[in-house]
Amino acid sequence: MGWCSPPGGKERPRSKQTLTPFFLAVYHWAEMRTKMRIMGFHAEAIKPLNEAAAAELGANLLGEAIIFGCAGSCLLLEFWRQQSLKRRKEGERLASLRSLRADVDRLEQALDELQVQVQTAAPRNALEELRAELRAELQEFKGLVCEERHEPDPEPPKDPEE
């Protein structure tokens, strides 16, 4: 008798024997042996399947394989989609970072130029002295203009800083 013999004990013709019943028998044997060990039984011999049970087991196994394949394909496609999305976002982030660094470099250069201009400008004390001199000359000029017109001297304007 073979692995998948019909109930009458007759062997199938050689042309009908393929590898499919062998794989189904191995699957049945492994499944039953595992179930028996899980339940605590130690069966030495496992009965072979009849033709109808083997066909049903094959159909169930094929259905589960198709479902598993579809689910695995969906997971793989989702993984690839997420990876491409992640790469695109990373590219956008890097472009934004490069742009910000260019802006910072440009601003640093402008700041350096302004610092040079400030350092080359006259110090604050010199500006105050120049302002005082200009005020004195302005008062002198106003006095001259008032003398020519014969007007009294105007009161000096009040300093906003005082």
N, C-alpha and C. Protein backbone atom coordinates (compact mmCIF):
# COMPACT_ATOMS: atom_id res chain seq x y z
N MET A 1 0.84 -1.18 0.00
CA MET A 1 0.00 0.00 0.00
C MET A 1 0.88 1.24 0.00
N GLY A 2 0.37 2.29 -0.66
CA GLY A 2 1.12 3.53 -0.76
C GLY A 2 0.70 4.52 0.32
N TRP A 3 1.23 5.70 0.21
CA TRP A 3 0.94 6.75 1.18
C TRP A 3 -0.52 7.18 1.14
N CYS A 4 -1.10 7.16 0.00
CA CYS A 4 -2.45 7.69 -0.14
C CYS A 4 -3.33 6.64 -0.83
N SER A 5 -3.46 5.54 -0.23
CA SER A 5 -4.22 4.44 -0.84
C SER A 5 -5.70 4.62 -0.61
N PRO A 6 -6.53 4.24 -1.57
CA PRO A 6 -7.97 4.28 -1.38
C PRO A 6 -8.39 3.26 -0.33
N PRO A 7 -9.61 3.40 0.21
CA PRO A 7 -10.04 2.53 1.31
C PRO A 7 -10.02 1.04 0.98
N GLY A 8 -10.23 0.66 -0.24
CA GLY A 8 -10.28 -0.75 -0.59
C GLY A 8 -8.90 -1.41 -0.58
N GLY A 9 -7.86 -0.66 -0.46
CA GLY A 9 -6.52 -1.21 -0.44
C GLY A 9 -5.93 -1.40 -1.81
N LYS A 10 -6.68 -0.99 -2.85
CA LYS A 10 -6.16 -1.14 -4.20
C LYS A 10 -5.20 0.02 -4.50
N GLU A 11 -4.18 -0.31 -5.21
CA GLU A 11 -3.23 0.72 -5.63
C GLU A 11 -3.79 1.42 -6.86
N ARG A 12 -3.51 2.70 -6.97
CA ARG A 12 -3.92 3.45 -8.15
C ARG A 12 -2.99 3.09 -9.31
N PRO A 13 -3.46 3.30 -10.50
CA PRO A 13 -2.57 3.05 -11.63
C PRO A 13 -1.38 4.01 -11.58
N ARG A 14 -0.29 3.58 -12.16
CA ARG A 14 0.96 4.33 -12.11
C ARG A 14 0.81 5.73 -12.73
N SER A 15 -0.03 5.87 -13.73
CA SER A 15 -0.19 7.16 -14.41
C SER A 15 -0.83 8.20 -13.50
N LYS A 16 -1.63 7.81 -12.51
CA LYS A 16 -2.29 8.75 -11.62
C LYS A 16 -1.41 9.13 -10.42
N GLN A 17 -0.37 8.38 -10.21
CA GLN A 17 0.49 8.70 -9.07
C GLN A 17 1.37 9.90 -9.45
N THR A 18 1.31 10.93 -8.64
CA THR A 18 2.12 12.14 -8.84
C THR A 18 2.76 12.50 -7.53
N LEU A 19 3.48 13.59 -7.52
CA LEU A 19 4.12 14.05 -6.29
C LEU A 19 3.13 14.74 -5.35
N THR A 20 2.00 15.20 -5.86
CA THR A 20 1.03 15.91 -5.03
C THR A 20 0.53 15.05 -3.88
N PRO A 21 0.13 13.81 -4.09
CA PRO A 21 -0.31 13.02 -2.94
C PRO A 21 0.83 12.81 -1.94
N PHE A 22 2.03 12.72 -2.42
CA PHE A 22 3.16 12.53 -1.51
C PHE A 22 3.31 13.75 -0.60
N PHE A 23 3.25 14.97 -1.18
CA PHE A 23 3.37 16.18 -0.36
C PHE A 23 2.21 16.33 0.60
N LEU A 24 1.01 15.96 0.15
CA LEU A 24 -0.15 16.01 1.04
C LEU A 24 0.00 15.02 2.18
N ALA A 25 0.53 13.84 1.88
CA ALA A 25 0.73 12.84 2.93
C ALA A 25 1.77 13.31 3.93
N VAL A 26 2.85 13.91 3.46
CA VAL A 26 3.88 14.43 4.37
C VAL A 26 3.30 15.56 5.22
N TYR A 27 2.52 16.43 4.59
CA TYR A 27 1.89 17.51 5.33
C TYR A 27 0.96 16.96 6.40
N HIS A 28 0.14 15.97 6.04
CA HIS A 28 -0.78 15.34 6.99
C HIS A 28 -0.01 14.68 8.12
N TRP A 29 1.04 13.98 7.78
CA TRP A 29 1.84 13.29 8.79
C TRP A 29 2.46 14.30 9.77
N ALA A 30 3.05 15.40 9.24
CA ALA A 30 3.67 16.41 10.11
C ALA A 30 2.64 17.11 10.96
N GLU A 31 1.49 17.42 10.37
CA GLU A 31 0.44 18.10 11.12
C GLU A 31 -0.10 17.22 12.25
N MET A 32 -0.40 16.00 11.94
CA MET A 32 -0.94 15.09 12.95
C MET A 32 0.08 14.80 14.04
N ARG A 33 1.31 14.61 13.66
CA ARG A 33 2.35 14.32 14.66
C ARG A 33 2.52 15.52 15.61
N THR A 34 2.49 16.73 15.04
CA THR A 34 2.61 17.94 15.88
C THR A 34 1.41 18.07 16.80
N LYS A 35 0.21 17.86 16.28
CA LYS A 35 -0.99 17.95 17.12
C LYS A 35 -0.95 16.93 18.25
N MET A 36 -0.52 15.72 17.93
CA MET A 36 -0.47 14.66 18.95
C MET A 36 0.54 15.03 20.04
N ARG A 37 1.67 15.56 19.68
CA ARG A 37 2.68 15.94 20.68
C ARG A 37 2.21 17.10 21.53
N ILE A 38 1.51 18.05 20.90
CA ILE A 38 0.99 19.19 21.66
C ILE A 38 -0.02 18.71 22.69
N MET A 39 -0.87 17.74 22.32
CA MET A 39 -1.89 17.23 23.23
C MET A 39 -1.30 16.24 24.24
N GLY A 40 -0.08 15.84 24.05
CA GLY A 40 0.57 14.96 25.01
C GLY A 40 0.55 13.49 24.62
N PHE A 41 0.06 13.15 23.45
CA PHE A 41 0.06 11.76 22.98
C PHE A 41 1.32 11.49 22.18
N HIS A 42 1.77 10.25 22.25
CA HIS A 42 2.95 9.85 21.48
C HIS A 42 2.57 8.70 20.58
N ALA A 43 1.89 9.02 19.50
CA ALA A 43 1.44 7.98 18.57
C ALA A 43 2.59 7.63 17.64
N GLU A 44 2.80 6.37 17.45
CA GLU A 44 3.88 5.90 16.58
C GLU A 44 3.44 5.87 15.13
N ALA A 45 2.22 5.41 14.85
CA ALA A 45 1.75 5.29 13.48
C ALA A 45 0.56 6.21 13.28
N ILE A 46 0.57 6.89 12.16
CA ILE A 46 -0.54 7.78 11.80
C ILE A 46 -1.18 7.19 10.56
N LYS A 47 -2.50 7.09 10.61
CA LYS A 47 -3.23 6.48 9.50
C LYS A 47 -3.10 7.36 8.26
N PRO A 48 -2.91 6.75 7.10
CA PRO A 48 -2.88 7.54 5.86
C PRO A 48 -4.28 8.05 5.53
N LEU A 49 -4.33 9.12 4.73
CA LEU A 49 -5.61 9.73 4.36
C LEU A 49 -6.26 8.95 3.22
N ASN A 50 -7.59 9.00 3.19
CA ASN A 50 -8.27 8.44 2.02
C ASN A 50 -8.32 9.52 0.93
N GLU A 51 -8.84 9.20 -0.23
CA GLU A 51 -8.81 10.08 -1.40
C GLU A 51 -9.59 11.38 -1.13
N ALA A 52 -10.76 11.30 -0.54
CA ALA A 52 -11.60 12.49 -0.30
C ALA A 52 -10.95 13.41 0.73
N ALA A 53 -10.42 12.83 1.80
CA ALA A 53 -9.77 13.65 2.83
C ALA A 53 -8.52 14.31 2.27
N ALA A 54 -7.78 13.59 1.42
CA ALA A 54 -6.58 14.16 0.81
C ALA A 54 -6.96 15.32 -0.11
N ALA A 55 -8.04 15.18 -0.87
CA ALA A 55 -8.48 16.24 -1.76
C ALA A 55 -8.92 17.47 -0.96
N GLU A 56 -9.63 17.23 0.13
CA GLU A 56 -10.07 18.34 0.98
C GLU A 56 -8.88 19.04 1.63
N LEU A 57 -7.94 18.24 2.13
CA LEU A 57 -6.74 18.81 2.74
C LEU A 57 -5.95 19.62 1.71
N GLY A 58 -5.85 19.10 0.49
CA GLY A 58 -5.15 19.83 -0.57
C GLY A 58 -5.83 21.14 -0.90
N ALA A 59 -7.16 21.12 -0.96
CA ALA A 59 -7.91 22.35 -1.25
C ALA A 59 -7.72 23.37 -0.14
N ASN A 60 -7.79 22.91 1.11
CA ASN A 60 -7.57 23.82 2.25
C ASN A 60 -6.15 24.40 2.22
N LEU A 61 -5.18 23.54 1.96
CA LEU A 61 -3.78 23.98 1.92
C LEU A 61 -3.56 24.97 0.79
N LEU A 62 -4.15 24.72 -0.38
CA LEU A 62 -4.03 25.63 -1.52
C LEU A 62 -4.70 26.97 -1.21
N GLY A 63 -5.87 26.95 -0.60
CA GLY A 63 -6.55 28.19 -0.22
C GLY A 63 -5.75 29.00 0.78
N GLU A 64 -5.20 28.32 1.78
CA GLU A 64 -4.38 29.02 2.77
C GLU A 64 -3.12 29.60 2.14
N ALA A 65 -2.53 28.86 1.20
CA ALA A 65 -1.33 29.35 0.52
C ALA A 65 -1.64 30.59 -0.30
N ILE A 66 -2.79 30.61 -0.98
CA ILE A 66 -3.18 31.77 -1.78
C ILE A 66 -3.42 32.98 -0.88
N ILE A 67 -4.13 32.77 0.21
CA ILE A 67 -4.40 33.87 1.15
C ILE A 67 -3.09 34.38 1.76
N PHE A 68 -2.23 33.46 2.16
CA PHE A 68 -0.94 33.85 2.72
C PHE A 68 -0.11 34.62 1.69
N GLY A 69 -0.12 34.16 0.45
CA GLY A 69 0.62 34.85 -0.61
C GLY A 69 0.09 36.26 -0.84
N CYS A 70 -1.23 36.41 -0.88
CA CYS A 70 -1.83 37.73 -1.07
C CYS A 70 -1.49 38.66 0.10
N ALA A 71 -1.60 38.13 1.32
CA ALA A 71 -1.30 38.96 2.49
C ALA A 71 0.18 39.35 2.50
N GLY A 72 1.05 38.41 2.18
CA GLY A 72 2.48 38.72 2.12
C GLY A 72 2.79 39.74 1.05
N SER A 73 2.13 39.64 -0.10
CA SER A 73 2.33 40.62 -1.17
C SER A 73 1.87 42.00 -0.74
N CYS A 74 0.72 42.07 -0.05
CA CYS A 74 0.23 43.36 0.44
C CYS A 74 1.21 43.98 1.42
N LEU A 75 1.73 43.15 2.33
CA LEU A 75 2.70 43.66 3.29
C LEU A 75 3.97 44.15 2.59
N LEU A 76 4.44 43.42 1.62
CA LEU A 76 5.64 43.81 0.89
C LEU A 76 5.42 45.10 0.11
N LEU A 77 4.27 45.22 -0.56
CA LEU A 77 3.96 46.46 -1.28
C LEU A 77 3.85 47.65 -0.34
N GLU A 78 3.23 47.46 0.80
CA GLU A 78 3.11 48.55 1.79
C GLU A 78 4.48 48.95 2.31
N PHE A 79 5.35 47.98 2.54
CA PHE A 79 6.71 48.27 2.99
C PHE A 79 7.44 49.11 1.94
N TRP A 80 7.35 48.71 0.67
CA TRP A 80 8.01 49.47 -0.39
C TRP A 80 7.45 50.88 -0.51
N ARG A 81 6.12 51.01 -0.35
CA ARG A 81 5.50 52.33 -0.42
C ARG A 81 6.00 53.23 0.70
N GLN A 82 6.06 52.67 1.91
CA GLN A 82 6.54 53.44 3.05
C GLN A 82 8.00 53.85 2.87
N GLN A 83 8.81 52.94 2.33
CA GLN A 83 10.23 53.26 2.10
C GLN A 83 10.37 54.40 1.09
N SER A 84 9.60 54.35 0.01
CA SER A 84 9.70 55.42 -1.00
C SER A 84 9.21 56.75 -0.42
N LEU A 85 8.16 56.71 0.40
CA LEU A 85 7.66 57.91 1.06
C LEU A 85 8.71 58.47 2.00
N LYS A 86 9.36 57.58 2.74
CA LYS A 86 10.40 58.00 3.67
C LYS A 86 11.57 58.64 2.92
N ARG A 87 11.98 58.03 1.79
CA ARG A 87 13.08 58.59 1.00
C ARG A 87 12.71 59.95 0.44
N ARG A 88 11.47 60.12 -0.02
CA ARG A 88 11.05 61.40 -0.57
C ARG A 88 11.05 62.48 0.52
N LYS A 89 10.53 62.14 1.69
CA LYS A 89 10.51 63.11 2.79
C LYS A 89 11.92 63.47 3.23
N GLU A 90 12.80 62.48 3.25
CA GLU A 90 14.19 62.73 3.63
C GLU A 90 14.86 63.66 2.63
N GLY A 91 14.56 63.47 1.33
CA GLY A 91 15.10 64.36 0.30
C GLY A 91 14.60 65.78 0.47
N GLU A 92 13.31 65.92 0.77
CA GLU A 92 12.74 67.25 1.00
C GLU A 92 13.36 67.89 2.23
N ARG A 93 13.56 67.10 3.28
CA ARG A 93 14.17 67.63 4.50
C ARG A 93 15.60 68.09 4.25
N LEU A 94 16.36 67.31 3.48
CA LEU A 94 17.74 67.69 3.18
C LEU A 94 17.78 68.95 2.31
N ALA A 95 16.86 69.07 1.35
CA ALA A 95 16.81 70.27 0.52
C ALA A 95 16.49 71.50 1.38
N SER A 96 15.56 71.34 2.29
CA SER A 96 15.21 72.44 3.20
C SER A 96 16.40 72.80 4.09
N LEU A 97 17.11 71.80 4.56
CA LEU A 97 18.27 72.04 5.41
C LEU A 97 19.36 72.77 4.63
N ARG A 98 19.61 72.36 3.38
CA ARG A 98 20.60 73.05 2.55
C ARG A 98 20.21 74.51 2.33
N SER A 99 18.92 74.74 2.08
CA SER A 99 18.44 76.10 1.88
C SER A 99 18.65 76.95 3.14
N LEU A 100 18.32 76.38 4.29
CA LEU A 100 18.50 77.11 5.54
C LEU A 100 19.98 77.41 5.81
N ARG A 101 20.85 76.45 5.50
CA ARG A 101 22.28 76.68 5.71
C ARG A 101 22.80 77.78 4.78
N ALA A 102 22.30 77.80 3.54
CA ALA A 102 22.70 78.85 2.61
C ALA A 102 22.24 80.21 3.13
N ASP A 103 21.01 80.28 3.66
CA ASP A 103 20.51 81.53 4.25
C ASP A 103 21.36 81.96 5.43
N VAL A 104 21.71 81.03 6.29
CA VAL A 104 22.54 81.36 7.46
C VAL A 104 23.91 81.86 7.01
N ASP A 105 24.50 81.22 6.01
CA ASP A 105 25.81 81.67 5.50
C ASP A 105 25.72 83.07 4.93
N ARG A 106 24.64 83.33 4.16
CA ARG A 106 24.46 84.66 3.59
C ARG A 106 24.29 85.71 4.70
N LEU A 107 23.52 85.38 5.74
CA LEU A 107 23.31 86.32 6.85
C LEU A 107 24.60 86.53 7.64
N GLU A 108 25.39 85.47 7.81
CA GLU A 108 26.68 85.63 8.51
C GLU A 108 27.60 86.55 7.74
N GLN A 109 27.61 86.43 6.41
CA GLN A 109 28.43 87.30 5.59
C GLN A 109 27.96 88.75 5.70
N ALA A 110 26.66 88.98 5.67
CA ALA A 110 26.12 90.33 5.82
C ALA A 110 26.47 90.89 7.19
N LEU A 111 26.40 90.07 8.23
CA LEU A 111 26.74 90.51 9.58
C LEU A 111 28.22 90.90 9.66
N ASP A 112 29.07 90.09 9.05
CA ASP A 112 30.50 90.43 9.05
C ASP A 112 30.76 91.76 8.35
N GLU A 113 30.07 92.00 7.22
CA GLU A 113 30.23 93.27 6.51
C GLU A 113 29.76 94.43 7.37
N LEU A 114 28.64 94.27 8.07
CA LEU A 114 28.14 95.33 8.95
C LEU A 114 29.08 95.59 10.12
N GLN A 115 29.67 94.52 10.66
CA GLN A 115 30.62 94.71 11.77
C GLN A 115 31.84 95.47 11.30
N VAL A 116 32.30 95.20 10.09
CA VAL A 116 33.44 95.93 9.54
C VAL A 116 33.08 97.40 9.37
N GLN A 117 31.86 97.65 8.87
CA GLN A 117 31.43 99.04 8.69
C GLN A 117 31.33 99.76 10.03
N VAL A 118 30.83 99.09 11.04
CA VAL A 118 30.71 99.71 12.37
C VAL A 118 32.09 99.99 12.94
N GLN A 119 33.02 99.07 12.76
CA GLN A 119 34.36 99.27 13.30
C GLN A 119 35.08 100.41 12.58
N THR A 120 34.82 100.57 11.29
CA THR A 120 35.47 101.65 10.56
C THR A 120 34.79 102.99 10.81
N ALA A 121 33.58 103.01 11.27
CA ALA A 121 32.87 104.26 11.57
C ALA A 121 33.51 104.91 12.79
N ALA A 122 33.27 106.22 12.91
CA ALA A 122 33.86 106.97 14.02
C ALA A 122 33.31 106.47 15.35
N PRO A 123 34.13 106.46 16.37
CA PRO A 123 33.62 106.03 17.68
C PRO A 123 32.56 107.01 18.20
N ARG A 124 31.80 106.58 19.17
CA ARG A 124 30.68 107.36 19.70
C ARG A 124 31.16 108.69 20.29
N ASN A 125 32.28 108.72 20.97
CA ASN A 125 32.78 109.97 21.56
C ASN A 125 33.08 110.98 20.46
N ALA A 126 33.65 110.51 19.36
CA ALA A 126 33.96 111.42 18.26
C ALA A 126 32.67 111.97 17.68
N LEU A 127 31.63 111.15 17.60
CA LEU A 127 30.35 111.62 17.10
C LEU A 127 29.76 112.69 18.01
N GLU A 128 29.87 112.51 19.32
CA GLU A 128 29.35 113.49 20.28
C GLU A 128 30.10 114.81 20.15
N GLU A 129 31.41 114.75 20.00
CA GLU A 129 32.21 115.98 19.84
C GLU A 129 31.82 116.70 18.55
N LEU A 130 31.63 115.91 17.47
CA LEU A 130 31.24 116.51 16.19
C LEU A 130 29.86 117.15 16.31
N ARG A 131 28.95 116.53 17.01
CA ARG A 131 27.62 117.06 17.20
C ARG A 131 27.69 118.38 17.99
N ALA A 132 28.51 118.41 19.02
CA ALA A 132 28.66 119.64 19.83
C ALA A 132 29.24 120.77 18.99
N GLU A 133 30.24 120.46 18.16
CA GLU A 133 30.84 121.47 17.29
C GLU A 133 29.81 122.01 16.30
N LEU A 134 29.02 121.09 15.71
CA LEU A 134 28.00 121.53 14.76
C LEU A 134 26.95 122.42 15.43
N ARG A 135 26.57 122.11 16.65
CA ARG A 135 25.61 122.93 17.37
C ARG A 135 26.19 124.33 17.65
N ALA A 136 27.44 124.35 18.03
CA ALA A 136 28.08 125.65 18.31
C ALA A 136 28.13 126.49 17.03
N GLU A 137 28.52 125.87 15.90
CA GLU A 137 28.57 126.60 14.64
C GLU A 137 27.17 127.06 14.24
N LEU A 138 26.15 126.22 14.49
CA LEU A 138 24.79 126.58 14.15
C LEU A 138 24.34 127.78 14.98
N GLN A 139 24.67 127.80 16.26
CA GLN A 139 24.31 128.93 17.13
C GLN A 139 25.03 130.20 16.67
N GLU A 140 26.27 130.05 16.29
CA GLU A 140 27.04 131.20 15.82
C GLU A 140 26.42 131.74 14.52
N PHE A 141 26.03 130.81 13.62
CA PHE A 141 25.41 131.21 12.36
C PHE A 141 24.08 131.90 12.61
N LYS A 142 23.28 131.36 13.56
CA LYS A 142 22.00 131.99 13.88
C LYS A 142 22.22 133.39 14.45
N GLY A 143 23.26 133.52 15.26
CA GLY A 143 23.57 134.84 15.83
C GLY A 143 23.93 135.83 14.74
N LEU A 144 24.70 135.41 13.75
CA LEU A 144 25.07 136.29 12.65
C LEU A 144 23.85 136.69 11.83
N VAL A 145 22.99 135.72 11.56
CA VAL A 145 21.79 136.01 10.77
C VAL A 145 20.90 136.97 11.54
N CYS A 146 20.78 136.79 12.84
CA CYS A 146 19.91 137.65 13.64
C CYS A 146 20.49 139.07 13.69
N GLU A 147 21.81 139.23 13.73
CA GLU A 147 22.44 140.55 13.76
C GLU A 147 22.18 141.29 12.46
N GLU A 148 22.24 140.56 11.34
CA GLU A 148 22.02 141.20 10.05
C GLU A 148 20.57 141.68 9.95
N ARG A 149 19.65 141.00 10.53
CA ARG A 149 18.24 141.37 10.45
C ARG A 149 17.85 142.25 11.62
N HIS A 150 18.70 142.45 12.53
CA HIS A 150 18.48 143.22 13.75
C HIS A 150 17.37 142.60 14.58
N GLU A 151 17.40 141.28 14.74
CA GLU A 151 16.42 140.57 15.57
C GLU A 151 17.14 140.10 16.83
N PRO A 152 16.37 139.92 17.92
CA PRO A 152 17.01 139.39 19.13
C PRO A 152 17.42 137.93 18.93
N ASP A 153 18.42 137.50 19.65
CA ASP A 153 18.89 136.11 19.53
C ASP A 153 17.80 135.14 20.00
N PRO A 154 17.55 134.12 19.19
CA PRO A 154 16.55 133.12 19.65
C PRO A 154 17.13 132.27 20.76
N GLU A 155 16.25 131.74 21.54
CA GLU A 155 16.71 130.86 22.62
C GLU A 155 17.26 129.59 22.01
N PRO A 156 18.33 129.11 22.56
CA PRO A 156 18.89 127.86 22.01
C PRO A 156 17.90 126.72 22.21
N PRO A 157 17.78 125.85 21.22
CA PRO A 157 16.84 124.72 21.37
C PRO A 157 17.32 123.78 22.48
N LYS A 158 16.33 123.19 23.12
CA LYS A 158 16.66 122.28 24.21
C LYS A 158 17.14 120.94 23.64
N ASP A 159 18.13 120.41 24.26
CA ASP A 159 18.69 119.13 23.81
C ASP A 159 17.75 118.01 24.23
N PRO A 160 17.35 117.12 23.31
CA PRO A 160 16.45 116.02 23.70
C PRO A 160 17.14 115.04 24.64
N GLU A 161 18.47 115.04 24.63
CA GLU A 161 19.19 114.08 25.50
C GLU A 161 19.25 114.56 26.92
N GLU A 162 19.08 115.89 27.15
CA GLU A 162 19.22 116.43 28.50
C GLU A 162 18.00 116.21 29.32
